[in-house]
Amino acid sequence: MHAIDVLKRPLITEKSAWESEARNRYSFKVDMRARKGQIKRAVEQMYGVRVMRVSTQVRKGKYFRTRWGTAKTANWKRATVQLHPEDRIELF
């Protein structure tokens, strides 16, 4: 997979903004098939930084009611990447 296929978008939330300042960790929405090594290479290639650690989570989709019954949003994968202390990513 190419780097542009692995990383879907950065996640900008209050928690991720705090983690980027305090712990130098950044969160991304990634492809469900992406592995930790592929995520590490994609972040290093796209942003030109050194990645120390990658953590992943599979976030389960939510159920909701519709007029015709119940439906579910898709599952998605979240990756949290910790960078070398000297490196930063400017997302804002």
N, C-alpha and C. Protein backbone atom coordinates (compact mmCIF):
# COMPACT_ATOMS: atom_id res chain seq x y z
N MET A 1 0.83 -1.18 0.00
CA MET A 1 0.00 0.00 0.00
C MET A 1 0.88 1.25 0.00
N HIS A 2 0.43 2.26 -0.70
CA HIS A 2 1.14 3.53 -0.73
C HIS A 2 0.77 4.34 0.52
N ALA A 3 1.61 5.31 0.85
CA ALA A 3 1.39 6.12 2.04
C ALA A 3 0.05 6.85 1.98
N ILE A 4 -0.32 7.30 0.81
CA ILE A 4 -1.58 8.04 0.67
C ILE A 4 -2.78 7.12 0.84
N ASP A 5 -2.61 5.81 0.60
CA ASP A 5 -3.69 4.85 0.80
C ASP A 5 -3.82 4.44 2.26
N VAL A 6 -2.72 4.48 3.00
CA VAL A 6 -2.72 4.06 4.39
C VAL A 6 -3.37 5.12 5.27
N LEU A 7 -2.92 6.37 5.19
CA LEU A 7 -3.44 7.44 6.03
C LEU A 7 -4.65 8.09 5.36
N LYS A 8 -5.79 8.05 6.02
CA LYS A 8 -7.00 8.67 5.48
C LYS A 8 -7.06 10.15 5.82
N ARG A 9 -6.93 10.47 7.13
CA ARG A 9 -6.95 11.87 7.55
C ARG A 9 -6.47 11.95 8.99
N PRO A 10 -5.94 13.10 9.41
CA PRO A 10 -5.60 13.28 10.83
C PRO A 10 -6.87 13.51 11.64
N LEU A 11 -6.86 13.06 12.89
CA LEU A 11 -8.00 13.25 13.77
C LEU A 11 -7.73 14.47 14.65
N ILE A 12 -8.57 15.48 14.52
CA ILE A 12 -8.43 16.71 15.28
C ILE A 12 -9.53 16.74 16.34
N THR A 13 -9.21 16.38 17.56
CA THR A 13 -10.13 16.41 18.68
C THR A 13 -9.44 17.10 19.85
N GLU A 14 -10.17 17.34 20.92
CA GLU A 14 -9.57 17.97 22.10
C GLU A 14 -8.48 17.08 22.67
N LYS A 15 -8.75 15.79 22.75
CA LYS A 15 -7.78 14.86 23.31
C LYS A 15 -6.53 14.77 22.43
N SER A 16 -6.71 14.70 21.13
CA SER A 16 -5.55 14.60 20.26
C SER A 16 -4.74 15.90 20.24
N ALA A 17 -5.41 17.05 20.41
CA ALA A 17 -4.69 18.32 20.49
C ALA A 17 -3.86 18.38 21.77
N TRP A 18 -4.42 17.90 22.87
CA TRP A 18 -3.65 17.85 24.13
C TRP A 18 -2.47 16.88 24.02
N GLU A 19 -2.70 15.71 23.43
CA GLU A 19 -1.62 14.73 23.29
C GLU A 19 -0.51 15.25 22.39
N SER A 20 -0.85 16.01 21.36
CA SER A 20 0.20 16.52 20.47
C SER A 20 1.08 17.53 21.19
N GLU A 21 0.51 18.31 22.10
CA GLU A 21 1.31 19.29 22.83
C GLU A 21 2.06 18.65 23.99
N ALA A 22 1.39 17.83 24.78
CA ALA A 22 1.98 17.29 26.00
C ALA A 22 2.86 16.08 25.77
N ARG A 23 2.46 15.19 24.88
CA ARG A 23 3.16 13.91 24.72
C ARG A 23 3.76 13.68 23.35
N ASN A 24 3.58 14.63 22.43
CA ASN A 24 4.11 14.50 21.08
C ASN A 24 3.53 13.27 20.36
N ARG A 25 2.22 13.06 20.55
CA ARG A 25 1.51 11.95 19.92
C ARG A 25 0.42 12.51 19.02
N TYR A 26 0.24 11.90 17.85
CA TYR A 26 -0.72 12.36 16.86
C TYR A 26 -1.61 11.19 16.44
N SER A 27 -2.89 11.47 16.19
CA SER A 27 -3.85 10.43 15.83
C SER A 27 -4.28 10.59 14.38
N PHE A 28 -4.47 9.46 13.72
CA PHE A 28 -4.88 9.42 12.32
C PHE A 28 -5.95 8.37 12.13
N LYS A 29 -6.86 8.63 11.19
CA LYS A 29 -7.76 7.60 10.71
C LYS A 29 -7.02 6.88 9.60
N VAL A 30 -6.93 5.56 9.69
CA VAL A 30 -6.13 4.79 8.73
C VAL A 30 -6.99 3.70 8.10
N ASP A 31 -6.48 3.10 7.05
CA ASP A 31 -7.15 2.01 6.36
C ASP A 31 -7.24 0.81 7.28
N MET A 32 -8.34 0.09 7.22
CA MET A 32 -8.55 -1.06 8.10
C MET A 32 -7.52 -2.17 7.88
N ARG A 33 -6.98 -2.26 6.68
CA ARG A 33 -6.01 -3.32 6.37
C ARG A 33 -4.58 -2.94 6.72
N ALA A 34 -4.33 -1.70 7.12
CA ALA A 34 -2.98 -1.22 7.38
C ALA A 34 -2.42 -1.82 8.66
N ARG A 35 -1.17 -2.21 8.61
CA ARG A 35 -0.46 -2.76 9.77
C ARG A 35 0.43 -1.66 10.37
N LYS A 36 0.95 -1.92 11.58
CA LYS A 36 1.73 -0.91 12.28
C LYS A 36 2.97 -0.48 11.51
N GLY A 37 3.64 -1.41 10.88
CA GLY A 37 4.83 -1.07 10.09
C GLY A 37 4.49 -0.19 8.90
N GLN A 38 3.38 -0.47 8.25
CA GLN A 38 2.95 0.35 7.12
C GLN A 38 2.56 1.75 7.57
N ILE A 39 1.90 1.85 8.73
CA ILE A 39 1.51 3.16 9.27
C ILE A 39 2.76 3.97 9.61
N LYS A 40 3.74 3.33 10.22
CA LYS A 40 4.99 4.01 10.58
C LYS A 40 5.68 4.56 9.34
N ARG A 41 5.81 3.74 8.31
CA ARG A 41 6.47 4.19 7.08
C ARG A 41 5.69 5.31 6.41
N ALA A 42 4.36 5.23 6.44
CA ALA A 42 3.53 6.25 5.79
C ALA A 42 3.68 7.61 6.48
N VAL A 43 3.67 7.64 7.81
CA VAL A 43 3.82 8.90 8.54
C VAL A 43 5.22 9.48 8.32
N GLU A 44 6.24 8.63 8.36
CA GLU A 44 7.61 9.10 8.14
C GLU A 44 7.77 9.66 6.73
N GLN A 45 7.14 9.03 5.76
CA GLN A 45 7.27 9.45 4.37
C GLN A 45 6.49 10.74 4.10
N MET A 46 5.27 10.85 4.62
CA MET A 46 4.43 12.01 4.31
C MET A 46 4.82 13.26 5.09
N TYR A 47 5.25 13.09 6.34
CA TYR A 47 5.52 14.26 7.17
C TYR A 47 7.01 14.48 7.43
N GLY A 48 7.87 13.56 7.07
CA GLY A 48 9.31 13.73 7.25
C GLY A 48 9.73 13.75 8.71
N VAL A 49 9.17 12.87 9.53
CA VAL A 49 9.48 12.80 10.95
C VAL A 49 9.94 11.39 11.30
N ARG A 50 10.44 11.22 12.52
CA ARG A 50 10.86 9.90 13.00
C ARG A 50 9.81 9.38 13.98
N VAL A 51 9.29 8.20 13.72
CA VAL A 51 8.23 7.60 14.54
C VAL A 51 8.88 6.64 15.53
N MET A 52 8.51 6.79 16.80
CA MET A 52 9.03 5.92 17.84
C MET A 52 8.10 4.73 18.11
N ARG A 53 6.79 4.98 18.14
CA ARG A 53 5.83 3.92 18.48
C ARG A 53 4.50 4.16 17.79
N VAL A 54 3.81 3.06 17.44
CA VAL A 54 2.49 3.13 16.81
C VAL A 54 1.53 2.26 17.62
N SER A 55 0.38 2.84 17.98
CA SER A 55 -0.69 2.10 18.65
C SER A 55 -1.92 2.16 17.76
N THR A 56 -2.66 1.06 17.67
CA THR A 56 -3.85 1.04 16.82
C THR A 56 -5.06 0.58 17.61
N GLN A 57 -6.22 1.03 17.17
CA GLN A 57 -7.50 0.61 17.72
C GLN A 57 -8.47 0.41 16.57
N VAL A 58 -9.32 -0.60 16.68
CA VAL A 58 -10.42 -0.73 15.74
C VAL A 58 -11.65 -0.21 16.46
N ARG A 59 -12.20 0.87 15.95
CA ARG A 59 -13.36 1.51 16.56
C ARG A 59 -14.62 0.92 15.94
N LYS A 60 -15.49 0.42 16.78
CA LYS A 60 -16.72 -0.21 16.31
C LYS A 60 -17.73 0.83 15.87
N GLY A 61 -18.47 0.53 14.81
CA GLY A 61 -19.50 1.43 14.32
C GLY A 61 -20.68 1.50 15.27
N LYS A 62 -21.41 2.58 15.21
CA LYS A 62 -22.56 2.81 16.08
C LYS A 62 -23.85 2.36 15.39
N TYR A 63 -24.76 1.84 16.19
CA TYR A 63 -26.09 1.49 15.69
C TYR A 63 -27.00 2.69 15.84
N PHE A 64 -27.91 2.86 14.88
CA PHE A 64 -28.89 3.94 14.97
C PHE A 64 -30.18 3.49 14.32
N ARG A 65 -31.25 4.15 14.73
CA ARG A 65 -32.57 3.80 14.21
C ARG A 65 -32.90 4.66 13.01
N THR A 66 -33.54 4.05 12.05
CA THR A 66 -34.04 4.77 10.89
C THR A 66 -35.54 4.52 10.78
N ARG A 67 -36.11 5.09 9.79
CA ARG A 67 -37.53 4.93 9.55
C ARG A 67 -37.89 3.47 9.22
N TRP A 68 -36.95 2.76 8.61
CA TRP A 68 -37.20 1.40 8.15
C TRP A 68 -36.56 0.34 9.03
N GLY A 69 -36.00 0.69 10.16
CA GLY A 69 -35.37 -0.28 11.05
C GLY A 69 -34.06 0.26 11.59
N THR A 70 -33.13 -0.63 11.88
CA THR A 70 -31.85 -0.20 12.42
C THR A 70 -30.77 -0.26 11.34
N ALA A 71 -29.76 0.55 11.53
CA ALA A 71 -28.62 0.57 10.62
C ALA A 71 -27.36 0.76 11.46
N LYS A 72 -26.21 0.63 10.83
CA LYS A 72 -24.94 0.71 11.55
C LYS A 72 -23.93 1.47 10.71
N THR A 73 -23.16 2.35 11.36
CA THR A 73 -22.07 3.02 10.66
C THR A 73 -20.90 2.04 10.56
N ALA A 74 -19.98 2.32 9.69
CA ALA A 74 -18.88 1.39 9.43
C ALA A 74 -17.86 1.40 10.57
N ASN A 75 -17.20 0.26 10.77
CA ASN A 75 -16.05 0.20 11.68
C ASN A 75 -14.91 0.96 11.05
N TRP A 76 -14.00 1.52 11.89
CA TRP A 76 -12.85 2.23 11.36
C TRP A 76 -11.66 2.03 12.27
N LYS A 77 -10.48 2.29 11.75
CA LYS A 77 -9.25 2.06 12.49
C LYS A 77 -8.58 3.38 12.81
N ARG A 78 -8.13 3.51 14.06
CA ARG A 78 -7.45 4.71 14.54
C ARG A 78 -6.03 4.33 14.91
N ALA A 79 -5.07 5.15 14.48
CA ALA A 79 -3.67 4.93 14.83
C ALA A 79 -3.16 6.15 15.58
N THR A 80 -2.50 5.90 16.71
CA THR A 80 -1.85 6.96 17.48
C THR A 80 -0.35 6.75 17.33
N VAL A 81 0.33 7.80 16.89
CA VAL A 81 1.74 7.71 16.55
C VAL A 81 2.54 8.60 17.49
N GLN A 82 3.53 8.04 18.17
CA GLN A 82 4.40 8.84 19.02
C GLN A 82 5.69 9.14 18.26
N LEU A 83 6.05 10.42 18.22
CA LEU A 83 7.21 10.86 17.46
C LEU A 83 8.43 11.01 18.35
N HIS A 84 9.58 11.11 17.70
CA HIS A 84 10.83 11.41 18.39
C HIS A 84 10.68 12.76 19.07
N PRO A 85 11.28 12.97 20.26
CA PRO A 85 11.10 14.23 21.00
C PRO A 85 11.49 15.49 20.22
N GLU A 86 12.36 15.39 19.25
CA GLU A 86 12.79 16.57 18.49
C GLU A 86 11.87 16.88 17.31
N ASP A 87 10.97 15.97 16.93
CA ASP A 87 10.13 16.15 15.75
C ASP A 87 8.73 16.64 16.13
N ARG A 88 8.12 17.38 15.22
CA ARG A 88 6.75 17.89 15.38
C ARG A 88 6.03 17.83 14.03
N ILE A 89 4.69 17.73 14.07
CA ILE A 89 3.85 17.82 12.89
C ILE A 89 2.95 19.02 13.09
N GLU A 90 2.88 19.91 12.12
CA GLU A 90 2.01 21.08 12.19
C GLU A 90 0.70 20.76 11.47
N LEU A 91 -0.34 20.41 12.25
CA LEU A 91 -1.64 20.08 11.68
C LEU A 91 -2.59 21.27 11.67
N PHE A 92 -2.39 22.23 12.56
CA PHE A 92 -3.32 23.36 12.66
C PHE A 92 -2.72 24.57 11.99
